[in-house]
Amino acid sequence: MRKVGPETGLGADATGASPLSTVVRVRSLLPSLPPAEARVAQRVIDDPEAVASSTITELAQACGTSETTVIRFCRAIGFSGYPELRLTLATEAGRAQGVTGGRVVGSDISADDTLEQIVEKIAFADARAVEETANQLDIQVLGEVVTAIAEARRVDIYGVGASAFVASDFQQKMHRIGRTSYAWSDAHIMLTSAAVLEPSDVAVGISHTGSTVETIDALSVAKRRGATTVALTNFPRSPIADAADLVLTTAARETTFRSGATASRLAQLTVIDCVFVGVAQRTTEISEHLAATLEAVRVRRVRPERRRR
């Protein structure tokens, strides 16, 4: 069983992928930290540049905690101590300035923003969520998920709320290549679905927070039935990880006016697309399946001569 999330690895990997942003890592681990360390984490998330320019004493005072707690926090997120954290945050801040040209586009959307500012901030946040999700995605775990799904008798996908749309998208893609899959969002149906799974099956639970009770319960039942369980979440130490054999993570942040799962949905879809393409590569007669499904819906499209009327 592998549960690998963004807390593993500080620098670029052997494939040359960009290193995972410290703020992204801290955000993903925030719910699992003790209260005092969580205050330090929130300070890093809110103003990483200020932390980079603060002494350990100044940071501890600003967070209402001790220097010892700050050191524990640094070690909890993979650093040897506070100097390494400061240096990394300063380096990342400089890199971000270079990317944005000095413009502040990564901040939260406010009620006073113009439509131009809203468009710029949303585009930046969405692109950043996809990029950071790709950078932190564990390729080995992704490969294990692809293999499990490619060899599965059936795949049941669980998600409620906005995650239900992602589950439905995955199920529709799987059907297009002839894979037996079902997407469930009703709590009772999710449980009855999980109750009839077998060791040759795969259950996928999608939850941004990783704490959605309905999804966790269904995944737990599937695990007890012997099915391979996969969780897709933004927080690798969240409760859903306890019900999962394999954990895939996203890197997205919802802001004040974006609490309806916008950037997180795009991040989830990015991971789902990676899984789907991996499974498609291992599917025999893939071209025939895609051609057949395309032909099946072609007659439902408006013909060119009707568009000119």
C-alpha atoms as a PDB file:
ATOM      1  CA  MET A   1       0.000   0.000   0.000  1.00  0.00           C
ATOM      2  CA  ARG A   2       1.409   3.377  -1.049  1.00  0.00           C
ATOM      3  CA  LYS A   3       0.166   6.677   0.285  1.00  0.00           C
ATOM      4  CA  VAL A   4       2.385   9.286  -1.258  1.00  0.00           C
ATOM      5  CA  GLY A   5       1.538  12.950  -1.261  1.00  0.00           C
ATOM      6  CA  PRO A   6       3.218  16.283  -1.846  1.00  0.00           C
ATOM      7  CA  GLU A   7       5.166  16.155   1.411  1.00  0.00           C
ATOM      8  CA  THR A   8       7.699  13.847  -0.255  1.00  0.00           C
ATOM      9  CA  GLY A   9      10.673  15.461  -1.910  1.00  0.00           C
ATOM     10  CA  LEU A  10      11.815  19.073  -1.662  1.00  0.00           C
ATOM     11  CA  GLY A  11      13.681  19.601  -4.899  1.00  0.00           C
ATOM     12  CA  ALA A  12      13.265  18.807  -8.551  1.00  0.00           C
ATOM     13  CA  ASP A  13      12.988  15.122  -9.294  1.00  0.00           C
ATOM     14  CA  ALA A  14      15.085  13.015 -11.614  1.00  0.00           C
ATOM     15  CA  THR A  15      12.756  13.740 -14.523  1.00  0.00           C
ATOM     16  CA  GLY A  16      13.467  17.439 -14.290  1.00  0.00           C
ATOM     17  CA  ALA A  17      10.042  18.433 -13.020  1.00  0.00           C
ATOM     18  CA  SER A  18       9.797  21.709 -11.150  1.00  0.00           C
ATOM     19  CA  PRO A  19      10.152  21.493  -7.371  1.00  0.00           C
ATOM     20  CA  LEU A  20       6.953  21.642  -5.391  1.00  0.00           C
ATOM     21  CA  SER A  21       6.197  25.097  -4.014  1.00  0.00           C
ATOM     22  CA  THR A  22       6.648  25.318  -0.260  1.00  0.00           C
ATOM     23  CA  VAL A  23       3.344  27.164   0.086  1.00  0.00           C
ATOM     24  CA  VAL A  24       1.558  24.383  -1.806  1.00  0.00           C
ATOM     25  CA  ARG A  25       3.098  21.754   0.467  1.00  0.00           C
ATOM     26  CA  VAL A  26       2.224  23.698   3.612  1.00  0.00           C
ATOM     27  CA  ARG A  27      -1.348  24.234   2.432  1.00  0.00           C
ATOM     28  CA  SER A  28      -1.823  20.524   1.776  1.00  0.00           C
ATOM     29  CA  LEU A  29      -0.555  19.585   5.242  1.00  0.00           C
ATOM     30  CA  LEU A  30      -2.284  22.396   7.179  1.00  0.00           C
ATOM     31  CA  PRO A  31      -5.316  20.357   8.378  1.00  0.00           C
ATOM     32  CA  SER A  32      -3.044  17.686   9.888  1.00  0.00           C
ATOM     33  CA  LEU A  33      -0.863  20.067  11.946  1.00  0.00           C
ATOM     34  CA  PRO A  34      -1.298  20.767  15.688  1.00  0.00           C
ATOM     35  CA  PRO A  35      -2.909  24.174  16.466  1.00  0.00           C
ATOM     36  CA  ALA A  36       0.333  26.031  17.282  1.00  0.00           C
ATOM     37  CA  GLU A  37       2.124  24.725  14.197  1.00  0.00           C
ATOM     38  CA  ALA A  38      -0.985  25.435  12.132  1.00  0.00           C
ATOM     39  CA  ARG A  39      -0.720  29.114  13.065  1.00  0.00           C
ATOM     40  CA  VAL A  40       2.825  29.177  11.721  1.00  0.00           C
ATOM     41  CA  ALA A  41       1.668  27.368   8.593  1.00  0.00           C
ATOM     42  CA  GLN A  42      -1.117  29.875   8.015  1.00  0.00           C
ATOM     43  CA  ARG A  43       1.386  32.711   8.292  1.00  0.00           C
ATOM     44  CA  VAL A  44       3.545  31.065   5.623  1.00  0.00           C
ATOM     45  CA  ILE A  45       0.525  30.633   3.360  1.00  0.00           C
ATOM     46  CA  ASP A  46      -0.763  34.178   3.857  1.00  0.00           C
ATOM     47  CA  ASP A  47       2.539  36.037   3.466  1.00  0.00           C
ATOM     48  CA  PRO A  48       5.540  33.881   2.524  1.00  0.00           C
ATOM     49  CA  GLU A  49       7.649  36.935   1.673  1.00  0.00           C
ATOM     50  CA  ALA A  50       7.152  38.375   5.169  1.00  0.00           C
ATOM     51  CA  VAL A  51       8.184  35.047   6.703  1.00  0.00           C
ATOM     52  CA  ALA A  52      11.272  34.960   4.488  1.00  0.00           C
ATOM     53  CA  SER A  53      12.334  38.347   5.870  1.00  0.00           C
ATOM     54  CA  SER A  54      11.510  37.573   9.525  1.00  0.00           C
ATOM     55  CA  THR A  55      13.750  36.139  12.193  1.00  0.00           C
ATOM     56  CA  ILE A  56      12.556  33.036  14.000  1.00  0.00           C
ATOM     57  CA  THR A  57      11.802  35.170  17.060  1.00  0.00           C
ATOM     58  CA  GLU A  58       9.705  37.608  15.033  1.00  0.00           C
ATOM     59  CA  LEU A  59       7.756  34.789  13.396  1.00  0.00           C
ATOM     60  CA  ALA A  60       7.119  33.045  16.718  1.00  0.00           C
ATOM     61  CA  GLN A  61       5.831  36.282  18.269  1.00  0.00           C
ATOM     62  CA  ALA A  62       3.616  37.036  15.259  1.00  0.00           C
ATOM     63  CA  CYS A  63       2.065  33.574  15.547  1.00  0.00           C
ATOM     64  CA  GLY A  64       1.710  33.656  19.318  1.00  0.00           C
ATOM     65  CA  THR A  65       3.916  30.634  19.790  1.00  0.00           C
ATOM     66  CA  SER A  66       7.501  29.624  20.617  1.00  0.00           C
ATOM     67  CA  GLU A  67      10.662  29.282  18.569  1.00  0.00           C
ATOM     68  CA  THR A  68      10.628  25.569  19.365  1.00  0.00           C
ATOM     69  CA  THR A  69       7.226  25.268  17.711  1.00  0.00           C
ATOM     70  CA  VAL A  70       8.526  27.043  14.614  1.00  0.00           C
ATOM     71  CA  ILE A  71      11.390  24.539  14.397  1.00  0.00           C
ATOM     72  CA  ARG A  72       8.950  21.623  14.822  1.00  0.00           C
ATOM     73  CA  PHE A  73       6.839  23.076  12.039  1.00  0.00           C
ATOM     74  CA  CYS A  74       9.858  23.338   9.726  1.00  0.00           C
ATOM     75  CA  ARG A  75      10.741  19.698  10.328  1.00  0.00           C
ATOM     76  CA  ALA A  76       7.124  18.603   9.902  1.00  0.00           C
ATOM     77  CA  ILE A  77       7.104  19.976   6.348  1.00  0.00           C
ATOM     78  CA  GLY A  78      10.485  18.515   5.451  1.00  0.00           C
ATOM     79  CA  PHE A  79      13.043  21.212   6.277  1.00  0.00           C
ATOM     80  CA  SER A  80      16.026  20.822   8.579  1.00  0.00           C
ATOM     81  CA  GLY A  81      15.284  24.111  10.313  1.00  0.00           C
ATOM     82  CA  TYR A  82      14.142  27.704   9.979  1.00  0.00           C
ATOM     83  CA  PRO A  83      17.119  29.014   7.941  1.00  0.00           C
ATOM     84  CA  GLU A  84      16.390  26.533   5.177  1.00  0.00           C
ATOM     85  CA  LEU A  85      12.714  27.510   5.176  1.00  0.00           C
ATOM     86  CA  ARG A  86      13.558  31.237   4.931  1.00  0.00           C
ATOM     87  CA  LEU A  87      15.995  30.683   2.088  1.00  0.00           C
ATOM     88  CA  THR A  88      13.538  28.538   0.142  1.00  0.00           C
ATOM     89  CA  LEU A  89      10.681  31.002   0.572  1.00  0.00           C
ATOM     90  CA  ALA A  90      12.889  33.887  -0.547  1.00  0.00           C
ATOM     91  CA  THR A  91      14.009  31.951  -3.624  1.00  0.00           C
ATOM     92  CA  GLU A  92      10.480  31.011  -4.552  1.00  0.00           C
ATOM     93  CA  ALA A  93       9.260  34.587  -4.054  1.00  0.00           C
ATOM     94  CA  GLY A  94      11.945  35.825  -6.446  1.00  0.00           C
ATOM     95  CA  ARG A  95      11.000  33.173  -8.993  1.00  0.00           C
ATOM     96  CA  ALA A  96       7.325  34.128  -8.740  1.00  0.00           C
ATOM     97  CA  GLN A  97       8.157  37.790  -9.286  1.00  0.00           C
ATOM     98  CA  GLY A  98       9.964  36.849 -12.472  1.00  0.00           C
ATOM     99  CA  VAL A  99       7.000  34.845 -13.754  1.00  0.00           C
ATOM    100  CA  THR A 100       4.395  37.550 -13.085  1.00  0.00           C
ATOM    101  CA  GLY A 101       6.581  40.505 -14.019  1.00  0.00           C
ATOM    102  CA  GLY A 102       6.059  42.041 -10.607  1.00  0.00           C
ATOM    103  CA  ARG A 103       2.272  42.076 -10.912  1.00  0.00           C
ATOM    104  CA  VAL A 104       0.304  40.862  -7.906  1.00  0.00           C
ATOM    105  CA  VAL A 105      -2.061  38.365  -9.508  1.00  0.00           C
ATOM    106  CA  GLY A 106      -1.883  35.544  -6.994  1.00  0.00           C
ATOM    107  CA  SER A 107      -3.836  37.345  -4.279  1.00  0.00           C
ATOM    108  CA  ASP A 108      -7.421  36.671  -3.278  1.00  0.00           C
ATOM    109  CA  ILE A 109     -10.298  38.192  -5.227  1.00  0.00           C
ATOM    110  CA  SER A 110     -11.882  41.110  -3.404  1.00  0.00           C
ATOM    111  CA  ALA A 111     -15.322  42.656  -3.691  1.00  0.00           C
ATOM    112  CA  ASP A 112     -13.757  45.807  -5.172  1.00  0.00           C
ATOM    113  CA  ASP A 113     -11.844  44.100  -7.986  1.00  0.00           C
ATOM    114  CA  THR A 114     -12.688  45.130 -11.530  1.00  0.00           C
ATOM    115  CA  LEU A 115     -13.758  42.515 -14.068  1.00  0.00           C
ATOM    116  CA  GLU A 116     -10.322  42.796 -15.670  1.00  0.00           C
ATOM    117  CA  GLN A 117      -8.661  42.010 -12.323  1.00  0.00           C
ATOM    118  CA  ILE A 118     -11.078  39.130 -11.717  1.00  0.00           C
ATOM    119  CA  VAL A 119     -10.283  37.593 -15.098  1.00  0.00           C
ATOM    120  CA  GLU A 120      -6.539  37.966 -14.505  1.00  0.00           C
ATOM    121  CA  LYS A 121      -6.660  36.469 -11.015  1.00  0.00           C
ATOM    122  CA  ILE A 122      -8.904  33.558 -12.012  1.00  0.00           C
ATOM    123  CA  ALA A 123      -6.769  32.731 -15.041  1.00  0.00           C
ATOM    124  CA  PHE A 124      -3.615  32.871 -12.919  1.00  0.00           C
ATOM    125  CA  ALA A 125      -5.084  30.706 -10.131  1.00  0.00           C
ATOM    126  CA  ASP A 126      -6.477  28.110 -12.511  1.00  0.00           C
ATOM    127  CA  ALA A 127      -3.247  27.840 -14.504  1.00  0.00           C
ATOM    128  CA  ARG A 128      -1.231  27.672 -11.283  1.00  0.00           C
ATOM    129  CA  ALA A 129      -3.459  24.902  -9.886  1.00  0.00           C
ATOM    130  CA  VAL A 130      -2.968  22.768 -12.981  1.00  0.00           C
ATOM    131  CA  GLU A 131       0.784  23.426 -13.132  1.00  0.00           C
ATOM    132  CA  GLU A 132       1.402  22.756  -9.443  1.00  0.00           C
ATOM    133  CA  THR A 133      -0.797  19.661  -9.513  1.00  0.00           C
ATOM    134  CA  ALA A 134       1.261  18.259 -12.379  1.00  0.00           C
ATOM    135  CA  ASN A 135       4.539  19.122 -10.631  1.00  0.00           C
ATOM    136  CA  GLN A 136       3.655  17.328  -7.411  1.00  0.00           C
ATOM    137  CA  LEU A 137       1.954  14.290  -8.929  1.00  0.00           C
ATOM    138  CA  ASP A 138       3.737  11.105  -7.858  1.00  0.00           C
ATOM    139  CA  ILE A 139       4.399   9.236 -11.112  1.00  0.00           C
ATOM    140  CA  GLN A 140       4.990   5.892  -9.398  1.00  0.00           C
ATOM    141  CA  VAL A 141       1.659   6.027  -7.578  1.00  0.00           C
ATOM    142  CA  LEU A 142      -0.022   7.228 -10.772  1.00  0.00           C
ATOM    143  CA  GLY A 143       1.395   4.181 -12.547  1.00  0.00           C
ATOM    144  CA  GLU A 144       0.044   1.854  -9.869  1.00  0.00           C
ATOM    145  CA  VAL A 145      -3.407   3.427 -10.178  1.00  0.00           C
ATOM    146  CA  VAL A 146      -3.341   3.092 -13.967  1.00  0.00           C
ATOM    147  CA  THR A 147      -2.327  -0.568 -13.699  1.00  0.00           C
ATOM    148  CA  ALA A 148      -5.030  -1.346 -11.137  1.00  0.00           C
ATOM    149  CA  ILE A 149      -7.746   0.279 -13.247  1.00  0.00           C
ATOM    150  CA  ALA A 150      -6.509  -1.252 -16.507  1.00  0.00           C
ATOM    151  CA  GLU A 151      -6.698  -4.728 -14.955  1.00  0.00           C
ATOM    152  CA  ALA A 152      -9.966  -4.190 -13.052  1.00  0.00           C
ATOM    153  CA  ARG A 153     -13.223  -6.024 -13.715  1.00  0.00           C
ATOM    154  CA  ARG A 154     -15.106  -2.781 -12.993  1.00  0.00           C
ATOM    155  CA  VAL A 155     -14.400   0.663 -11.567  1.00  0.00           C
ATOM    156  CA  ASP A 156     -16.774   2.467  -9.216  1.00  0.00           C
ATOM    157  CA  ILE A 157     -16.203   6.183  -8.725  1.00  0.00           C
ATOM    158  CA  TYR A 158     -17.549   8.115  -5.731  1.00  0.00           C
ATOM    159  CA  GLY A 159     -17.932  11.876  -5.330  1.00  0.00           C
ATOM    160  CA  VAL A 160     -20.511  14.301  -3.997  1.00  0.00           C
ATOM    161  CA  GLY A 161     -21.060  17.983  -4.698  1.00  0.00           C
ATOM    162  CA  ALA A 162     -18.552  19.384  -7.191  1.00  0.00           C
ATOM    163  CA  SER A 163     -16.521  16.164  -7.015  1.00  0.00           C
ATOM    164  CA  ALA A 164     -19.533  14.332  -8.450  1.00  0.00           C
ATOM    165  CA  PHE A 165     -19.034  16.185 -11.738  1.00  0.00           C
ATOM    166  CA  VAL A 166     -15.423  15.039 -11.859  1.00  0.00           C
ATOM    167  CA  ALA A 167     -16.512  11.470 -11.110  1.00  0.00           C
ATOM    168  CA  SER A 168     -19.071  11.644 -13.917  1.00  0.00           C
ATOM    169  CA  ASP A 169     -16.447  12.962 -16.327  1.00  0.00           C
ATOM    170  CA  PHE A 170     -14.123  10.072 -15.484  1.00  0.00           C
ATOM    171  CA  GLN A 171     -16.905   7.506 -15.903  1.00  0.00           C
ATOM    172  CA  GLN A 172     -17.886   8.943 -19.293  1.00  0.00           C
ATOM    173  CA  LYS A 173     -14.275   8.779 -20.493  1.00  0.00           C
ATOM    174  CA  MET A 174     -13.929   5.182 -19.306  1.00  0.00           C
ATOM    175  CA  HIS A 175     -17.080   4.117 -21.144  1.00  0.00           C
ATOM    176  CA  ARG A 176     -15.748   5.620 -24.366  1.00  0.00           C
ATOM    177  CA  ILE A 177     -12.902   3.102 -24.345  1.00  0.00           C
ATOM    178  CA  GLY A 178     -15.079   0.153 -23.372  1.00  0.00           C
ATOM    179  CA  ARG A 179     -14.208   0.052 -19.671  1.00  0.00           C
ATOM    180  CA  THR A 180     -16.980  -0.921 -17.269  1.00  0.00           C
ATOM    181  CA  SER A 181     -17.326   1.917 -14.775  1.00  0.00           C
ATOM    182  CA  TYR A 182     -19.983   3.632 -12.694  1.00  0.00           C
ATOM    183  CA  ALA A 183     -20.105   7.068 -11.075  1.00  0.00           C
ATOM    184  CA  TRP A 184     -22.194   7.416  -7.923  1.00  0.00           C
ATOM    185  CA  SER A 185     -23.087  10.518  -5.907  1.00  0.00           C
ATOM    186  CA  ASP A 186     -26.036   9.358  -3.800  1.00  0.00           C
ATOM    187  CA  ALA A 187     -24.825   8.253  -0.349  1.00  0.00           C
ATOM    188  CA  HIS A 188     -27.005   5.127  -0.193  1.00  0.00           C
ATOM    189  CA  ILE A 189     -26.191   4.005  -3.729  1.00  0.00           C
ATOM    190  CA  MET A 190     -22.492   4.593  -3.093  1.00  0.00           C
ATOM    191  CA  LEU A 191     -22.646   2.240  -0.115  1.00  0.00           C
ATOM    192  CA  THR A 192     -24.632  -0.457  -1.920  1.00  0.00           C
ATOM    193  CA  SER A 193     -22.260  -0.202  -4.865  1.00  0.00           C
ATOM    194  CA  ALA A 194     -19.238  -0.660  -2.617  1.00  0.00           C
ATOM    195  CA  ALA A 195     -20.897  -3.591  -0.818  1.00  0.00           C
ATOM    196  CA  VAL A 196     -20.882  -5.758  -3.956  1.00  0.00           C
ATOM    197  CA  LEU A 197     -17.350  -5.018  -5.147  1.00  0.00           C
ATOM    198  CA  GLU A 198     -14.773  -7.786  -5.418  1.00  0.00           C
ATOM    199  CA  PRO A 199     -10.967  -7.973  -5.090  1.00  0.00           C
ATOM    200  CA  SER A 200     -10.730  -7.638  -8.882  1.00  0.00           C
ATOM    201  CA  ASP A 201     -12.467  -4.244  -8.756  1.00  0.00           C
ATOM    202  CA  VAL A 202     -11.288  -0.682  -8.135  1.00  0.00           C
ATOM    203  CA  ALA A 203     -13.072   2.030  -6.151  1.00  0.00           C
ATOM    204  CA  VAL A 204     -12.080   5.678  -6.622  1.00  0.00           C
ATOM    205  CA  GLY A 205     -13.090   8.305  -4.061  1.00  0.00           C
ATOM    206  CA  ILE A 206     -12.825  11.981  -5.036  1.00  0.00           C
ATOM    207  CA  SER A 207     -12.853  14.645  -2.322  1.00  0.00           C
ATOM    208  CA  HIS A 208     -10.997  17.959  -2.365  1.00  0.00           C
ATOM    209  CA  THR A 209     -10.931  18.230   1.433  1.00  0.00           C
ATOM    210  CA  GLY A 210     -10.535  14.505   1.971  1.00  0.00           C
ATOM    211  CA  SER A 211     -13.121  14.715   4.738  1.00  0.00           C
ATOM    212  CA  THR A 212     -16.401  14.119   2.872  1.00  0.00           C
ATOM    213  CA  VAL A 213     -18.160  11.526   5.039  1.00  0.00           C
ATOM    214  CA  GLU A 214     -20.205   9.920   2.245  1.00  0.00           C
ATOM    215  CA  THR A 215     -17.153   9.336   0.050  1.00  0.00           C
ATOM    216  CA  ILE A 216     -15.017   8.069   2.927  1.00  0.00           C
ATOM    217  CA  ASP A 217     -17.711   5.623   4.057  1.00  0.00           C
ATOM    218  CA  ALA A 218     -18.159   4.199   0.547  1.00  0.00           C
ATOM    219  CA  LEU A 219     -14.421   3.831   0.046  1.00  0.00           C
ATOM    220  CA  SER A 220     -14.103   2.126   3.444  1.00  0.00           C
ATOM    221  CA  VAL A 221     -16.765  -0.434   2.532  1.00  0.00           C
ATOM    222  CA  ALA A 222     -15.030  -1.079  -0.800  1.00  0.00           C
ATOM    223  CA  LYS A 223     -11.742  -1.645   0.999  1.00  0.00           C
ATOM    224  CA  ARG A 224     -13.328  -4.145   3.378  1.00  0.00           C
ATOM    225  CA  ARG A 225     -14.646  -6.000   0.337  1.00  0.00           C
ATOM    226  CA  GLY A 226     -11.072  -6.366  -0.910  1.00  0.00           C
ATOM    227  CA  ALA A 227     -11.290  -3.911  -3.813  1.00  0.00           C
ATOM    228  CA  THR A 228      -8.304  -1.700  -4.583  1.00  0.00           C
ATOM    229  CA  THR A 229      -9.165   1.754  -3.269  1.00  0.00           C
ATOM    230  CA  VAL A 230      -7.898   5.036  -4.693  1.00  0.00           C
ATOM    231  CA  ALA A 231      -8.330   8.507  -3.191  1.00  0.00           C
ATOM    232  CA  LEU A 232      -7.988  11.793  -5.071  1.00  0.00           C
ATOM    233  CA  THR A 233      -7.662  14.694  -2.636  1.00  0.00           C
ATOM    234  CA  ASN A 234      -5.869  17.958  -2.006  1.00  0.00           C
ATOM    235  CA  PHE A 235      -4.787  16.888   1.488  1.00  0.00           C
ATOM    236  CA  PRO A 236      -2.719  13.683   1.692  1.00  0.00           C
ATOM    237  CA  ARG A 237      -3.087  13.337   5.468  1.00  0.00           C
ATOM    238  CA  SER A 238      -6.868  13.790   5.446  1.00  0.00           C
ATOM    239  CA  PRO A 239      -9.281  11.073   6.678  1.00  0.00           C
ATOM    240  CA  ILE A 240      -9.927   9.666   3.203  1.00  0.00           C
ATOM    241  CA  ALA A 241      -6.303   8.471   3.059  1.00  0.00           C
ATOM    242  CA  ASP A 242      -7.088   5.905   5.783  1.00  0.00           C
ATOM    243  CA  ALA A 243      -9.575   4.249   3.439  1.00  0.00           C
ATOM    244  CA  ALA A 244      -7.267   4.295   0.414  1.00  0.00           C
ATOM    245  CA  ASP A 245      -4.580   1.915  -0.788  1.00  0.00           C
ATOM    246  CA  LEU A 246      -3.317   4.562  -3.211  1.00  0.00           C
ATOM    247  CA  VAL A 247      -3.518   8.346  -2.810  1.00  0.00           C
ATOM    248  CA  LEU A 248      -3.241  10.838  -5.646  1.00  0.00           C
ATOM    249  CA  THR A 249      -3.088  14.512  -4.729  1.00  0.00           C
ATOM    250  CA  THR A 250      -3.965  17.833  -6.306  1.00  0.00           C
ATOM    251  CA  ALA A 251      -2.560  21.274  -5.493  1.00  0.00           C
ATOM    252  CA  ALA A 252      -5.315  23.881  -5.564  1.00  0.00           C
ATOM    253  CA  ARG A 253      -6.438  26.746  -3.354  1.00  0.00           C
ATOM    254  CA  GLU A 254      -9.998  28.011  -3.173  1.00  0.00           C
ATOM    255  CA  THR A 255     -10.388  31.718  -2.400  1.00  0.00           C
ATOM    256  CA  THR A 256     -13.189  33.823  -0.915  1.00  0.00           C
ATOM    257  CA  PHE A 257     -15.252  34.111  -4.088  1.00  0.00           C
ATOM    258  CA  ARG A 258     -14.196  30.700  -5.406  1.00  0.00           C
ATOM    259  CA  SER A 259     -15.389  28.344  -2.684  1.00  0.00           C
ATOM    260  CA  GLY A 260     -17.553  26.433  -5.176  1.00  0.00           C
ATOM    261  CA  ALA A 261     -14.671  24.182  -6.221  1.00  0.00           C
ATOM    262  CA  THR A 262     -13.317  25.968  -9.269  1.00  0.00           C
ATOM    263  CA  ALA A 263      -9.528  25.687  -9.254  1.00  0.00           C
ATOM    264  CA  SER A 264      -9.810  22.423  -7.314  1.00  0.00           C
ATOM    265  CA  ARG A 265     -12.129  20.965  -9.953  1.00  0.00           C
ATOM    266  CA  LEU A 266      -9.647  21.801 -12.716  1.00  0.00           C
ATOM    267  CA  ALA A 267      -6.841  20.229 -10.687  1.00  0.00           C
ATOM    268  CA  GLN A 268      -8.906  17.070 -10.166  1.00  0.00           C
ATOM    269  CA  LEU A 269      -9.725  16.881 -13.877  1.00  0.00           C
ATOM    270  CA  THR A 270      -6.011  17.168 -14.673  1.00  0.00           C
ATOM    271  CA  VAL A 271      -5.242  14.091 -12.582  1.00  0.00           C
ATOM    272  CA  ILE A 272      -8.254  12.232 -13.989  1.00  0.00           C
ATOM    273  CA  ASP A 273      -7.085  12.959 -17.534  1.00  0.00           C
ATOM    274  CA  CYS A 274      -3.623  11.588 -16.699  1.00  0.00           C
ATOM    275  CA  VAL A 275      -5.167   8.396 -15.302  1.00  0.00           C
ATOM    276  CA  PHE A 276      -7.517   8.029 -18.266  1.00  0.00           C
ATOM    277  CA  VAL A 277      -4.816   8.420 -20.904  1.00  0.00           C
ATOM    278  CA  GLY A 278      -2.636   5.927 -19.037  1.00  0.00           C
ATOM    279  CA  VAL A 279      -5.483   3.399 -19.016  1.00  0.00           C
ATOM    280  CA  ALA A 280      -6.331   4.119 -22.652  1.00  0.00           C
ATOM    281  CA  GLN A 281      -2.757   3.282 -23.657  1.00  0.00           C
ATOM    282  CA  ARG A 282      -3.230  -0.172 -22.148  1.00  0.00           C
ATOM    283  CA  THR A 283      -6.604  -0.772 -23.775  1.00  0.00           C
ATOM    284  CA  THR A 284      -6.715  -3.050 -26.807  1.00  0.00           C
ATOM    285  CA  GLU A 285      -8.721  -1.843 -29.798  1.00  0.00           C
ATOM    286  CA  ILE A 286      -8.646   1.693 -28.399  1.00  0.00           C
ATOM    287  CA  SER A 287      -8.989   3.250 -31.864  1.00  0.00           C
ATOM    288  CA  GLU A 288     -12.042   1.124 -32.626  1.00  0.00           C
ATOM    289  CA  HIS A 289     -13.721   2.093 -29.353  1.00  0.00           C
ATOM    290  CA  LEU A 290     -13.150   5.807 -29.893  1.00  0.00           C
ATOM    291  CA  ALA A 291     -14.272   5.637 -33.520  1.00  0.00           C
ATOM    292  CA  ALA A 292     -17.435   3.727 -32.586  1.00  0.00           C
ATOM    293  CA  THR A 293     -18.441   6.160 -29.848  1.00  0.00           C
ATOM    294  CA  LEU A 294     -17.730   9.154 -32.078  1.00  0.00           C
ATOM    295  CA  GLU A 295     -19.869   7.683 -34.853  1.00  0.00           C
ATOM    296  CA  ALA A 296     -22.669   6.933 -32.392  1.00  0.00           C
ATOM    297  CA  VAL A 297     -23.135  10.629 -31.534  1.00  0.00           C
ATOM    298  CA  ARG A 298     -22.281  12.075 -34.962  1.00  0.00           C
ATOM    299  CA  VAL A 299     -25.933  11.910 -36.082  1.00  0.00           C
ATOM    300  CA  ARG A 300     -26.937  14.106 -33.136  1.00  0.00           C
ATOM    301  CA  ARG A 301     -24.920  17.069 -34.445  1.00  0.00           C
ATOM    302  CA  VAL A 302     -26.294  19.860 -36.618  1.00  0.00           C
ATOM    303  CA  ARG A 303     -25.261  19.407 -40.243  1.00  0.00           C
ATOM    304  CA  PRO A 304     -23.406  22.252 -42.054  1.00  0.00           C
ATOM    305  CA  GLU A 305     -26.336  22.992 -44.392  1.00  0.00           C
ATOM    306  CA  ARG A 306     -28.645  23.608 -41.418  1.00  0.00           C
ATOM    307  CA  ARG A 307     -26.185  26.046 -39.834  1.00  0.00           C
ATOM    308  CA  ARG A 308     -26.372  28.356 -42.867  1.00  0.00           C
ATOM    309  CA  ARG A 309     -30.107  28.860 -42.571  1.00  0.00           C
END
